[in-house]
Amino acid sequence: MNKIYIFNDPKKAAREADVIFSDKVISMNDKVNIKKKLKHFKKFKIDKKLLSFAKKDCIFLHCLPRGTEVDEEVFSSVKSKVWQQAQNRIHVQKSILLYCLNKLR
């Protein structure tokens, strides 16, 4: 049986992870106190040190566009599969459109 664990400590969350997946801390049209939200998520920034707690072959994913939640070194590293993820998302979105237009058999 698989389980989902929730952590408030990013090091514990990253420990032995196969994948580290991040979303933007501040999304477009986010109607929140930006300074307050950035302060709350400051310790969750994904950097090389945080990735060191994960498995050696851990990959990094992000939904884009990138913000301050991940540093450039991780975002551009060989562990980052962000652009492959984005390309896969395009194909899924095209399939959804074809389905909605009744173009799939």
N, C-alpha and C. Protein backbone atom coordinates (compact mmCIF):
# COMPACT_ATOMS: atom_id res chain seq x y z
N MET A 1 0.84 -1.17 0.00
CA MET A 1 0.00 0.00 0.00
C MET A 1 0.89 1.24 0.00
N ASN A 2 0.60 2.18 -0.90
CA ASN A 2 1.34 3.44 -0.96
C ASN A 2 0.75 4.44 0.01
N LYS A 3 1.60 5.32 0.47
CA LYS A 3 1.16 6.34 1.43
C LYS A 3 1.63 7.70 0.98
N ILE A 4 0.94 8.72 1.41
CA ILE A 4 1.33 10.10 1.17
C ILE A 4 1.74 10.68 2.51
N TYR A 5 2.92 11.31 2.53
CA TYR A 5 3.40 11.93 3.74
C TYR A 5 3.46 13.44 3.53
N ILE A 6 3.12 14.19 4.54
CA ILE A 6 3.17 15.64 4.49
C ILE A 6 4.19 16.12 5.51
N PHE A 7 5.11 16.97 5.06
CA PHE A 7 6.17 17.46 5.91
C PHE A 7 6.18 18.99 5.94
N ASN A 8 6.58 19.54 7.07
CA ASN A 8 6.81 20.97 7.18
C ASN A 8 8.30 21.30 7.09
N ASP A 9 9.11 20.27 7.04
CA ASP A 9 10.56 20.42 6.95
C ASP A 9 11.00 19.96 5.56
N PRO A 10 11.53 20.87 4.74
CA PRO A 10 11.91 20.49 3.37
C PRO A 10 12.98 19.40 3.31
N LYS A 11 13.88 19.36 4.28
CA LYS A 11 14.92 18.33 4.28
C LYS A 11 14.31 16.94 4.48
N LYS A 12 13.35 16.86 5.40
CA LYS A 12 12.67 15.58 5.61
C LYS A 12 11.85 15.19 4.38
N ALA A 13 11.24 16.16 3.75
CA ALA A 13 10.44 15.88 2.55
C ALA A 13 11.31 15.39 1.40
N ALA A 14 12.51 15.92 1.30
CA ALA A 14 13.40 15.55 0.20
C ALA A 14 14.15 14.25 0.44
N ARG A 15 14.22 13.81 1.70
CA ARG A 15 15.00 12.63 2.04
C ARG A 15 14.57 11.41 1.24
N GLU A 16 15.51 10.86 0.50
CA GLU A 16 15.32 9.65 -0.31
C GLU A 16 14.24 9.81 -1.39
N ALA A 17 13.97 11.04 -1.83
CA ALA A 17 12.96 11.29 -2.87
C ALA A 17 13.48 10.86 -4.24
N ASP A 18 12.58 10.32 -5.04
CA ASP A 18 12.89 10.00 -6.43
C ASP A 18 12.69 11.23 -7.32
N VAL A 19 11.72 12.06 -6.93
CA VAL A 19 11.35 13.24 -7.70
C VAL A 19 11.08 14.39 -6.74
N ILE A 20 11.57 15.56 -7.10
CA ILE A 20 11.18 16.77 -6.39
C ILE A 20 10.45 17.63 -7.41
N PHE A 21 9.21 17.93 -7.10
CA PHE A 21 8.33 18.66 -8.01
C PHE A 21 7.91 19.94 -7.32
N SER A 22 8.11 21.05 -8.00
CA SER A 22 7.76 22.34 -7.41
C SER A 22 6.74 23.06 -8.27
N ASP A 23 5.94 23.85 -7.62
CA ASP A 23 5.00 24.75 -8.27
C ASP A 23 5.49 26.16 -7.97
N LYS A 24 4.95 27.14 -8.64
CA LYS A 24 5.30 28.52 -8.33
C LYS A 24 4.75 28.88 -6.95
N VAL A 25 5.52 29.62 -6.20
CA VAL A 25 5.04 30.10 -4.90
C VAL A 25 3.99 31.20 -5.13
N ILE A 26 4.27 32.08 -6.06
CA ILE A 26 3.33 33.13 -6.42
C ILE A 26 2.85 32.86 -7.83
N SER A 27 1.58 32.50 -7.98
CA SER A 27 1.00 32.23 -9.29
C SER A 27 0.50 33.51 -9.93
N MET A 28 0.29 33.45 -11.22
CA MET A 28 -0.27 34.61 -11.91
C MET A 28 -1.64 34.94 -11.33
N ASN A 29 -1.90 36.20 -11.16
CA ASN A 29 -3.17 36.68 -10.60
C ASN A 29 -3.41 36.22 -9.18
N ASP A 30 -2.36 35.87 -8.46
CA ASP A 30 -2.48 35.44 -7.07
C ASP A 30 -2.87 36.66 -6.22
N LYS A 31 -3.97 36.57 -5.53
CA LYS A 31 -4.49 37.70 -4.74
C LYS A 31 -4.12 37.52 -3.26
N VAL A 32 -2.84 37.36 -3.00
CA VAL A 32 -2.36 37.17 -1.63
C VAL A 32 -1.34 38.24 -1.30
N ASN A 33 -0.98 38.31 -0.04
CA ASN A 33 0.10 39.19 0.39
C ASN A 33 1.41 38.52 -0.05
N ILE A 34 1.98 39.05 -1.10
CA ILE A 34 3.15 38.42 -1.72
C ILE A 34 4.34 38.35 -0.76
N LYS A 35 4.63 39.43 -0.06
CA LYS A 35 5.77 39.44 0.87
C LYS A 35 5.59 38.38 1.96
N LYS A 36 4.37 38.28 2.47
CA LYS A 36 4.09 37.32 3.54
C LYS A 36 4.23 35.88 3.02
N LYS A 37 3.70 35.63 1.83
CA LYS A 37 3.78 34.28 1.27
C LYS A 37 5.23 33.89 0.97
N LEU A 38 6.00 34.82 0.40
CA LEU A 38 7.41 34.52 0.13
C LEU A 38 8.17 34.23 1.41
N LYS A 39 7.84 34.95 2.48
CA LYS A 39 8.48 34.73 3.77
C LYS A 39 8.17 33.32 4.29
N HIS A 40 6.91 32.89 4.17
CA HIS A 40 6.51 31.57 4.65
C HIS A 40 7.19 30.43 3.88
N PHE A 41 7.45 30.65 2.60
CA PHE A 41 8.02 29.60 1.76
C PHE A 41 9.53 29.72 1.58
N LYS A 42 10.16 30.68 2.26
CA LYS A 42 11.58 30.93 2.09
C LYS A 42 12.44 29.68 2.33
N LYS A 43 12.11 28.92 3.36
CA LYS A 43 12.93 27.74 3.68
C LYS A 43 12.68 26.57 2.73
N PHE A 44 11.71 26.70 1.84
CA PHE A 44 11.40 25.63 0.90
C PHE A 44 12.04 25.83 -0.47
N LYS A 45 12.95 26.78 -0.59
CA LYS A 45 13.63 27.00 -1.87
C LYS A 45 14.41 25.76 -2.25
N ILE A 46 14.28 25.37 -3.50
CA ILE A 46 14.96 24.17 -3.98
C ILE A 46 16.32 24.58 -4.53
N ASP A 47 17.34 24.08 -3.87
CA ASP A 47 18.71 24.37 -4.27
C ASP A 47 19.52 23.08 -4.21
N LYS A 48 20.79 23.18 -4.56
CA LYS A 48 21.66 22.01 -4.59
C LYS A 48 21.73 21.32 -3.23
N LYS A 49 21.76 22.09 -2.17
CA LYS A 49 21.83 21.52 -0.82
C LYS A 49 20.59 20.68 -0.52
N LEU A 50 19.41 21.18 -0.87
CA LEU A 50 18.17 20.42 -0.62
C LEU A 50 18.16 19.14 -1.45
N LEU A 51 18.61 19.23 -2.71
CA LEU A 51 18.65 18.04 -3.56
C LEU A 51 19.61 16.98 -3.02
N SER A 52 20.58 17.38 -2.22
CA SER A 52 21.54 16.42 -1.68
C SER A 52 20.88 15.43 -0.72
N PHE A 53 19.70 15.76 -0.22
CA PHE A 53 18.97 14.85 0.68
C PHE A 53 18.19 13.79 -0.10
N ALA A 54 17.97 14.03 -1.38
CA ALA A 54 17.21 13.10 -2.21
C ALA A 54 18.12 11.99 -2.72
N LYS A 55 17.52 11.02 -3.39
CA LYS A 55 18.30 9.95 -4.01
C LYS A 55 19.24 10.54 -5.05
N LYS A 56 20.34 9.87 -5.30
CA LYS A 56 21.34 10.37 -6.25
C LYS A 56 20.77 10.57 -7.65
N ASP A 57 19.82 9.70 -8.04
CA ASP A 57 19.24 9.82 -9.38
C ASP A 57 17.90 10.57 -9.38
N CYS A 58 17.66 11.32 -8.35
CA CYS A 58 16.44 12.12 -8.23
C CYS A 58 16.36 13.11 -9.40
N ILE A 59 15.14 13.34 -9.89
CA ILE A 59 14.93 14.35 -10.93
C ILE A 59 14.12 15.51 -10.37
N PHE A 60 14.23 16.66 -11.03
CA PHE A 60 13.49 17.85 -10.63
C PHE A 60 12.48 18.20 -11.71
N LEU A 61 11.23 18.48 -11.28
CA LEU A 61 10.16 18.89 -12.18
C LEU A 61 9.57 20.21 -11.70
N HIS A 62 9.02 20.96 -12.64
CA HIS A 62 8.40 22.25 -12.33
C HIS A 62 7.36 22.55 -13.40
N CYS A 63 6.24 23.14 -13.01
CA CYS A 63 5.16 23.38 -13.96
C CYS A 63 5.36 24.61 -14.83
N LEU A 64 6.33 25.46 -14.50
CA LEU A 64 6.66 26.67 -15.24
C LEU A 64 5.56 27.73 -15.14
N PRO A 65 5.85 28.97 -15.27
CA PRO A 65 7.18 29.54 -15.39
C PRO A 65 7.90 29.53 -14.04
N ARG A 66 9.20 29.51 -14.11
CA ARG A 66 10.02 29.44 -12.90
C ARG A 66 9.99 30.77 -12.16
N GLY A 67 9.96 30.67 -10.84
CA GLY A 67 10.05 31.86 -9.98
C GLY A 67 11.24 31.72 -9.07
N THR A 68 11.15 32.30 -7.90
CA THR A 68 12.26 32.28 -6.95
C THR A 68 12.31 30.99 -6.12
N GLU A 69 11.35 30.09 -6.35
CA GLU A 69 11.28 28.87 -5.54
C GLU A 69 12.37 27.85 -5.86
N VAL A 70 13.07 28.02 -6.97
CA VAL A 70 14.16 27.12 -7.34
C VAL A 70 15.31 27.96 -7.88
N ASP A 71 16.53 27.59 -7.49
CA ASP A 71 17.65 28.39 -7.99
C ASP A 71 18.06 27.90 -9.38
N GLU A 72 18.78 28.77 -10.05
CA GLU A 72 19.18 28.52 -11.45
C GLU A 72 20.02 27.25 -11.59
N GLU A 73 20.87 26.98 -10.62
CA GLU A 73 21.75 25.81 -10.69
C GLU A 73 20.95 24.51 -10.79
N VAL A 74 19.87 24.39 -10.01
CA VAL A 74 19.02 23.19 -10.05
C VAL A 74 18.17 23.21 -11.32
N PHE A 75 17.59 24.36 -11.62
CA PHE A 75 16.70 24.48 -12.77
C PHE A 75 17.39 24.10 -14.08
N SER A 76 18.67 24.44 -14.19
CA SER A 76 19.42 24.17 -15.43
C SER A 76 20.30 22.92 -15.36
N SER A 77 20.17 22.17 -14.29
CA SER A 77 21.04 21.00 -14.10
C SER A 77 20.57 19.80 -14.92
N VAL A 78 21.41 18.76 -14.95
CA VAL A 78 21.05 17.53 -15.65
C VAL A 78 19.91 16.81 -14.94
N LYS A 79 19.70 17.10 -13.67
CA LYS A 79 18.60 16.50 -12.92
C LYS A 79 17.25 17.11 -13.31
N SER A 80 17.28 18.29 -13.90
CA SER A 80 16.05 18.99 -14.27
C SER A 80 15.46 18.39 -15.54
N LYS A 81 14.22 17.99 -15.45
CA LYS A 81 13.47 17.45 -16.60
C LYS A 81 12.30 18.38 -16.93
N VAL A 82 12.48 19.66 -16.62
CA VAL A 82 11.43 20.66 -16.76
C VAL A 82 10.98 20.79 -18.21
N TRP A 83 11.93 20.86 -19.15
CA TRP A 83 11.55 21.08 -20.55
C TRP A 83 10.93 19.83 -21.16
N GLN A 84 11.38 18.66 -20.76
CA GLN A 84 10.75 17.41 -21.22
C GLN A 84 9.33 17.33 -20.68
N GLN A 85 9.14 17.74 -19.43
CA GLN A 85 7.82 17.77 -18.81
C GLN A 85 6.90 18.72 -19.58
N ALA A 86 7.41 19.89 -19.95
CA ALA A 86 6.61 20.87 -20.69
C ALA A 86 6.22 20.33 -22.06
N GLN A 87 7.15 19.66 -22.72
CA GLN A 87 6.85 19.08 -24.03
C GLN A 87 5.77 18.00 -23.91
N ASN A 88 5.88 17.16 -22.91
CA ASN A 88 4.86 16.12 -22.70
C ASN A 88 3.49 16.74 -22.43
N ARG A 89 3.49 17.84 -21.69
CA ARG A 89 2.23 18.52 -21.37
C ARG A 89 1.56 19.05 -22.65
N ILE A 90 2.36 19.51 -23.60
CA ILE A 90 1.81 20.00 -24.87
C ILE A 90 1.05 18.89 -25.58
N HIS A 91 1.62 17.70 -25.64
CA HIS A 91 0.97 16.59 -26.33
C HIS A 91 -0.34 16.19 -25.64
N VAL A 92 -0.33 16.20 -24.32
CA VAL A 92 -1.56 15.89 -23.57
C VAL A 92 -2.62 16.94 -23.87
N GLN A 93 -2.24 18.21 -23.87
CA GLN A 93 -3.20 19.28 -24.13
C GLN A 93 -3.76 19.20 -25.54
N LYS A 94 -2.92 18.85 -26.50
CA LYS A 94 -3.41 18.68 -27.88
C LYS A 94 -4.42 17.54 -27.95
N SER A 95 -4.14 16.45 -27.24
CA SER A 95 -5.08 15.32 -27.23
C SER A 95 -6.41 15.70 -26.60
N ILE A 96 -6.37 16.49 -25.54
CA ILE A 96 -7.61 16.94 -24.90
C ILE A 96 -8.42 17.78 -25.88
N LEU A 97 -7.76 18.68 -26.60
CA LEU A 97 -8.46 19.51 -27.59
C LEU A 97 -9.08 18.64 -28.69
N LEU A 98 -8.33 17.67 -29.18
CA LEU A 98 -8.87 16.78 -30.20
C LEU A 98 -10.08 16.01 -29.68
N TYR A 99 -10.00 15.56 -28.46
CA TYR A 99 -11.12 14.85 -27.86
C TYR A 99 -12.35 15.77 -27.76
N CYS A 100 -12.12 17.00 -27.29
CA CYS A 100 -13.23 17.95 -27.14
C CYS A 100 -13.86 18.30 -28.50
N LEU A 101 -13.05 18.27 -29.55
CA LEU A 101 -13.56 18.58 -30.88
C LEU A 101 -14.05 17.33 -31.61
N ASN A 102 -14.11 16.23 -30.87
CA ASN A 102 -14.59 14.95 -31.41
C ASN A 102 -13.77 14.48 -32.61
N LYS A 103 -12.47 14.72 -32.55
CA LYS A 103 -11.57 14.33 -33.64
C LYS A 103 -10.83 13.03 -33.34
N LEU A 104 -11.01 12.47 -32.16
CA LEU A 104 -10.38 11.20 -31.83
C LEU A 104 -11.36 10.08 -32.09
N ARG A 105 -10.86 8.98 -32.59
CA ARG A 105 -11.75 7.84 -32.88
C ARG A 105 -12.03 7.07 -31.63
